[in-house]
Protein backbone atom coordinates (compact mmCIF):
# COMPACT_ATOMS: atom_id res chain seq x y z
CA UNK A 1 0.00 0.00 0.00
CA UNK A 2 1.45 3.33 -1.01
CA UNK A 3 1.73 6.40 1.19
CA UNK A 4 -0.96 8.14 -0.85
CA UNK A 5 -3.35 5.23 -0.27
CA UNK A 6 -2.75 5.33 3.49
CA UNK A 7 -3.25 9.10 3.51
CA UNK A 8 -6.51 8.71 1.55
CA UNK A 9 -7.81 6.08 4.00
CA UNK A 10 -6.88 8.15 7.06
CA UNK A 11 -8.59 11.25 5.65
CA UNK A 12 -11.69 9.17 4.81
CA UNK A 13 -11.89 7.78 8.36
CA UNK A 14 -11.52 11.28 9.82
CA UNK A 15 -14.32 12.56 7.57
CA UNK A 16 -16.56 9.66 8.67
CA UNK A 17 -15.89 10.41 12.34
CA UNK A 18 -16.57 14.14 11.87
CA UNK A 19 -19.89 13.33 10.21
CA UNK A 20 -20.68 10.92 13.07
CA UNK A 21 -20.00 13.70 15.60
CA UNK A 22 -22.25 16.18 13.78
CA UNK A 23 -25.15 13.90 12.83
CA UNK A 24 -26.90 13.63 16.24
CA UNK A 25 -27.23 17.42 16.30
CA UNK A 26 -28.58 17.55 12.72
CA UNK A 27 -30.95 14.56 12.84
CA UNK A 28 -34.66 15.13 13.27
CA UNK A 29 -36.19 13.89 16.53
CA UNK A 30 -39.42 13.15 14.66
CA UNK A 31 -40.07 9.57 13.51
CA UNK A 32 -39.19 8.67 9.93
CA UNK A 33 -41.81 7.92 7.29
CA UNK A 34 -42.06 4.21 8.03
CA UNK A 35 -42.44 4.73 11.77
CA UNK A 36 -45.00 7.50 11.21
CA UNK A 37 -47.03 5.31 8.84
CA UNK A 38 -47.00 2.46 11.37
CA UNK A 39 -48.22 4.85 14.08
CA UNK A 40 -51.01 6.12 11.81
CA UNK A 41 -52.19 2.60 11.01
CA UNK A 42 -51.97 1.61 14.66
CA UNK A 43 -49.31 -1.03 14.34
CA UNK A 44 -47.49 -1.23 17.66
CA UNK A 45 -43.86 -2.04 18.12
CA UNK A 46 -43.24 -5.75 18.46
CA UNK A 47 -40.69 -7.10 20.86
CA UNK A 48 -37.32 -7.76 19.28
CA UNK A 49 -36.12 -11.34 19.01
CA UNK A 50 -32.66 -10.25 20.13
CA UNK A 51 -31.90 -7.25 22.34
CA UNK A 52 -29.88 -4.59 20.54
CA UNK A 53 -26.58 -3.61 22.18
CA UNK A 54 -27.25 0.05 21.31
CA UNK A 55 -31.00 0.58 20.83
CA UNK A 56 -31.97 3.65 18.81
CA UNK A 57 -28.32 4.17 17.88
CA UNK A 58 -27.41 5.46 21.33
CA UNK A 59 -25.85 4.42 24.60
CA UNK A 60 -28.39 4.71 27.40
CA UNK A 61 -27.97 7.62 29.77
CA UNK A 62 -25.50 9.58 27.66
CA UNK A 63 -27.88 11.60 25.44
CA UNK A 64 -26.07 13.11 22.42
CA UNK A 65 -22.66 11.87 23.57
CA UNK A 66 -24.12 8.34 23.60
CA UNK A 67 -25.31 8.77 20.03
CA UNK A 68 -21.88 10.01 18.94
CA UNK A 69 -20.18 7.10 20.72
CA UNK A 70 -22.56 4.58 19.13
CA UNK A 71 -21.88 6.00 15.66
CA UNK A 72 -18.12 6.06 16.22
CA UNK A 73 -18.16 2.46 17.50
CA UNK A 74 -20.20 1.41 14.45
CA UNK A 75 -17.77 3.10 12.08
CA UNK A 76 -14.77 1.48 13.76
CA UNK A 77 -16.37 -1.99 13.75
CA UNK A 78 -17.30 -1.61 10.07
CA UNK A 79 -13.74 -0.57 9.17
CA UNK A 80 -12.26 -3.50 11.10
CA UNK A 81 -14.60 -5.99 9.39
CA UNK A 82 -13.81 -4.48 5.96
CA UNK A 83 -10.08 -4.65 6.67
CA UNK A 84 -10.27 -8.30 7.78
CA UNK A 85 -12.31 -9.26 4.71
CA UNK A 86 -9.85 -7.42 2.44
CA UNK A 87 -6.92 -9.23 4.05
CA UNK A 88 -8.66 -12.59 3.62
CA UNK A 89 -9.42 -11.90 -0.04
CA UNK A 90 -6.00 -10.47 -0.84
CA UNK A 91 -3.75 -12.61 -2.96
CA UNK A 92 -1.06 -14.35 -0.96
CA UNK A 93 1.57 -14.33 -3.68
CA UNK A 94 1.22 -11.60 -6.28
CA UNK A 95 1.82 -12.77 -9.86
CA UNK A 96 5.33 -12.24 -11.12
CA UNK A 97 5.82 -9.77 -13.94
CA UNK A 98 7.12 -11.61 -16.94
CA UNK A 99 8.93 -9.72 -19.71
C-alpha atoms as a PDB file:
ATOM      1  CA  UNK A   1       0.000   0.000   0.000  1.00  0.00           C
ATOM      2  CA  UNK A   2       1.454   3.326  -1.013  1.00  0.00           C
ATOM      3  CA  UNK A   3       1.732   6.398   1.191  1.00  0.00           C
ATOM      4  CA  UNK A   4      -0.960   8.138  -0.854  1.00  0.00           C
ATOM      5  CA  UNK A   5      -3.354   5.230  -0.269  1.00  0.00           C
ATOM      6  CA  UNK A   6      -2.746   5.328   3.491  1.00  0.00           C
ATOM      7  CA  UNK A   7      -3.253   9.104   3.513  1.00  0.00           C
ATOM      8  CA  UNK A   8      -6.506   8.710   1.553  1.00  0.00           C
ATOM      9  CA  UNK A   9      -7.805   6.080   3.999  1.00  0.00           C
ATOM     10  CA  UNK A  10      -6.879   8.153   7.063  1.00  0.00           C
ATOM     11  CA  UNK A  11      -8.594  11.254   5.652  1.00  0.00           C
ATOM     12  CA  UNK A  12     -11.685   9.170   4.815  1.00  0.00           C
ATOM     13  CA  UNK A  13     -11.886   7.782   8.356  1.00  0.00           C
ATOM     14  CA  UNK A  14     -11.516  11.277   9.818  1.00  0.00           C
ATOM     15  CA  UNK A  15     -14.324  12.564   7.567  1.00  0.00           C
ATOM     16  CA  UNK A  16     -16.562   9.657   8.674  1.00  0.00           C
ATOM     17  CA  UNK A  17     -15.887  10.407  12.341  1.00  0.00           C
ATOM     18  CA  UNK A  18     -16.570  14.143  11.867  1.00  0.00           C
ATOM     19  CA  UNK A  19     -19.894  13.331  10.215  1.00  0.00           C
ATOM     20  CA  UNK A  20     -20.679  10.920  13.068  1.00  0.00           C
ATOM     21  CA  UNK A  21     -19.996  13.696  15.597  1.00  0.00           C
ATOM     22  CA  UNK A  22     -22.250  16.176  13.784  1.00  0.00           C
ATOM     23  CA  UNK A  23     -25.147  13.898  12.834  1.00  0.00           C
ATOM     24  CA  UNK A  24     -26.904  13.632  16.242  1.00  0.00           C
ATOM     25  CA  UNK A  25     -27.228  17.416  16.297  1.00  0.00           C
ATOM     26  CA  UNK A  26     -28.584  17.554  12.719  1.00  0.00           C
ATOM     27  CA  UNK A  27     -30.945  14.563  12.839  1.00  0.00           C
ATOM     28  CA  UNK A  28     -34.657  15.130  13.270  1.00  0.00           C
ATOM     29  CA  UNK A  29     -36.194  13.892  16.529  1.00  0.00           C
ATOM     30  CA  UNK A  30     -39.424  13.153  14.659  1.00  0.00           C
ATOM     31  CA  UNK A  31     -40.074   9.573  13.506  1.00  0.00           C
ATOM     32  CA  UNK A  32     -39.191   8.674   9.935  1.00  0.00           C
ATOM     33  CA  UNK A  33     -41.812   7.922   7.288  1.00  0.00           C
ATOM     34  CA  UNK A  34     -42.060   4.207   8.027  1.00  0.00           C
ATOM     35  CA  UNK A  35     -42.442   4.733  11.773  1.00  0.00           C
ATOM     36  CA  UNK A  36     -45.001   7.498  11.208  1.00  0.00           C
ATOM     37  CA  UNK A  37     -47.032   5.305   8.839  1.00  0.00           C
ATOM     38  CA  UNK A  38     -46.998   2.461  11.365  1.00  0.00           C
ATOM     39  CA  UNK A  39     -48.217   4.852  14.081  1.00  0.00           C
ATOM     40  CA  UNK A  40     -51.012   6.121  11.805  1.00  0.00           C
ATOM     41  CA  UNK A  41     -52.188   2.603  11.010  1.00  0.00           C
ATOM     42  CA  UNK A  42     -51.970   1.613  14.657  1.00  0.00           C
ATOM     43  CA  UNK A  43     -49.308  -1.034  14.339  1.00  0.00           C
ATOM     44  CA  UNK A  44     -47.486  -1.232  17.662  1.00  0.00           C
ATOM     45  CA  UNK A  45     -43.855  -2.045  18.124  1.00  0.00           C
ATOM     46  CA  UNK A  46     -43.237  -5.746  18.455  1.00  0.00           C
ATOM     47  CA  UNK A  47     -40.693  -7.098  20.860  1.00  0.00           C
ATOM     48  CA  UNK A  48     -37.319  -7.757  19.280  1.00  0.00           C
ATOM     49  CA  UNK A  49     -36.123 -11.340  19.012  1.00  0.00           C
ATOM     50  CA  UNK A  50     -32.661 -10.248  20.134  1.00  0.00           C
ATOM     51  CA  UNK A  51     -31.897  -7.248  22.339  1.00  0.00           C
ATOM     52  CA  UNK A  52     -29.875  -4.589  20.540  1.00  0.00           C
ATOM     53  CA  UNK A  53     -26.581  -3.607  22.182  1.00  0.00           C
ATOM     54  CA  UNK A  54     -27.250   0.047  21.307  1.00  0.00           C
ATOM     55  CA  UNK A  55     -31.005   0.576  20.829  1.00  0.00           C
ATOM     56  CA  UNK A  56     -31.975   3.654  18.814  1.00  0.00           C
ATOM     57  CA  UNK A  57     -28.316   4.168  17.875  1.00  0.00           C
ATOM     58  CA  UNK A  58     -27.413   5.462  21.326  1.00  0.00           C
ATOM     59  CA  UNK A  59     -25.851   4.417  24.596  1.00  0.00           C
ATOM     60  CA  UNK A  60     -28.388   4.711  27.399  1.00  0.00           C
ATOM     61  CA  UNK A  61     -27.965   7.624  29.774  1.00  0.00           C
ATOM     62  CA  UNK A  62     -25.504   9.576  27.664  1.00  0.00           C
ATOM     63  CA  UNK A  63     -27.878  11.598  25.444  1.00  0.00           C
ATOM     64  CA  UNK A  64     -26.073  13.109  22.418  1.00  0.00           C
ATOM     65  CA  UNK A  65     -22.660  11.868  23.573  1.00  0.00           C
ATOM     66  CA  UNK A  66     -24.124   8.337  23.600  1.00  0.00           C
ATOM     67  CA  UNK A  67     -25.312   8.775  20.026  1.00  0.00           C
ATOM     68  CA  UNK A  68     -21.883  10.014  18.936  1.00  0.00           C
ATOM     69  CA  UNK A  69     -20.176   7.103  20.720  1.00  0.00           C
ATOM     70  CA  UNK A  70     -22.558   4.578  19.133  1.00  0.00           C
ATOM     71  CA  UNK A  71     -21.882   5.996  15.664  1.00  0.00           C
ATOM     72  CA  UNK A  72     -18.121   6.056  16.217  1.00  0.00           C
ATOM     73  CA  UNK A  73     -18.165   2.461  17.502  1.00  0.00           C
ATOM     74  CA  UNK A  74     -20.203   1.412  14.453  1.00  0.00           C
ATOM     75  CA  UNK A  75     -17.768   3.096  12.076  1.00  0.00           C
ATOM     76  CA  UNK A  76     -14.771   1.476  13.757  1.00  0.00           C
ATOM     77  CA  UNK A  77     -16.369  -1.994  13.755  1.00  0.00           C
ATOM     78  CA  UNK A  78     -17.303  -1.611  10.067  1.00  0.00           C
ATOM     79  CA  UNK A  79     -13.745  -0.568   9.172  1.00  0.00           C
ATOM     80  CA  UNK A  80     -12.259  -3.502  11.102  1.00  0.00           C
ATOM     81  CA  UNK A  81     -14.597  -5.988   9.387  1.00  0.00           C
ATOM     82  CA  UNK A  82     -13.813  -4.483   5.958  1.00  0.00           C
ATOM     83  CA  UNK A  83     -10.079  -4.651   6.671  1.00  0.00           C
ATOM     84  CA  UNK A  84     -10.267  -8.301   7.781  1.00  0.00           C
ATOM     85  CA  UNK A  85     -12.308  -9.262   4.708  1.00  0.00           C
ATOM     86  CA  UNK A  86      -9.848  -7.418   2.443  1.00  0.00           C
ATOM     87  CA  UNK A  87      -6.917  -9.230   4.049  1.00  0.00           C
ATOM     88  CA  UNK A  88      -8.661 -12.587   3.623  1.00  0.00           C
ATOM     89  CA  UNK A  89      -9.419 -11.902  -0.044  1.00  0.00           C
ATOM     90  CA  UNK A  90      -5.998 -10.469  -0.843  1.00  0.00           C
ATOM     91  CA  UNK A  91      -3.753 -12.613  -2.962  1.00  0.00           C
ATOM     92  CA  UNK A  92      -1.064 -14.347  -0.957  1.00  0.00           C
ATOM     93  CA  UNK A  93       1.572 -14.333  -3.681  1.00  0.00           C
ATOM     94  CA  UNK A  94       1.219 -11.596  -6.282  1.00  0.00           C
ATOM     95  CA  UNK A  95       1.815 -12.767  -9.857  1.00  0.00           C
ATOM     96  CA  UNK A  96       5.325 -12.244 -11.117  1.00  0.00           C
ATOM     97  CA  UNK A  97       5.816  -9.775 -13.937  1.00  0.00           C
ATOM     98  CA  UNK A  98       7.117 -11.613 -16.941  1.00  0.00           C
ATOM     99  CA  UNK A  99       8.925  -9.719 -19.706  1.00  0.00           C
END
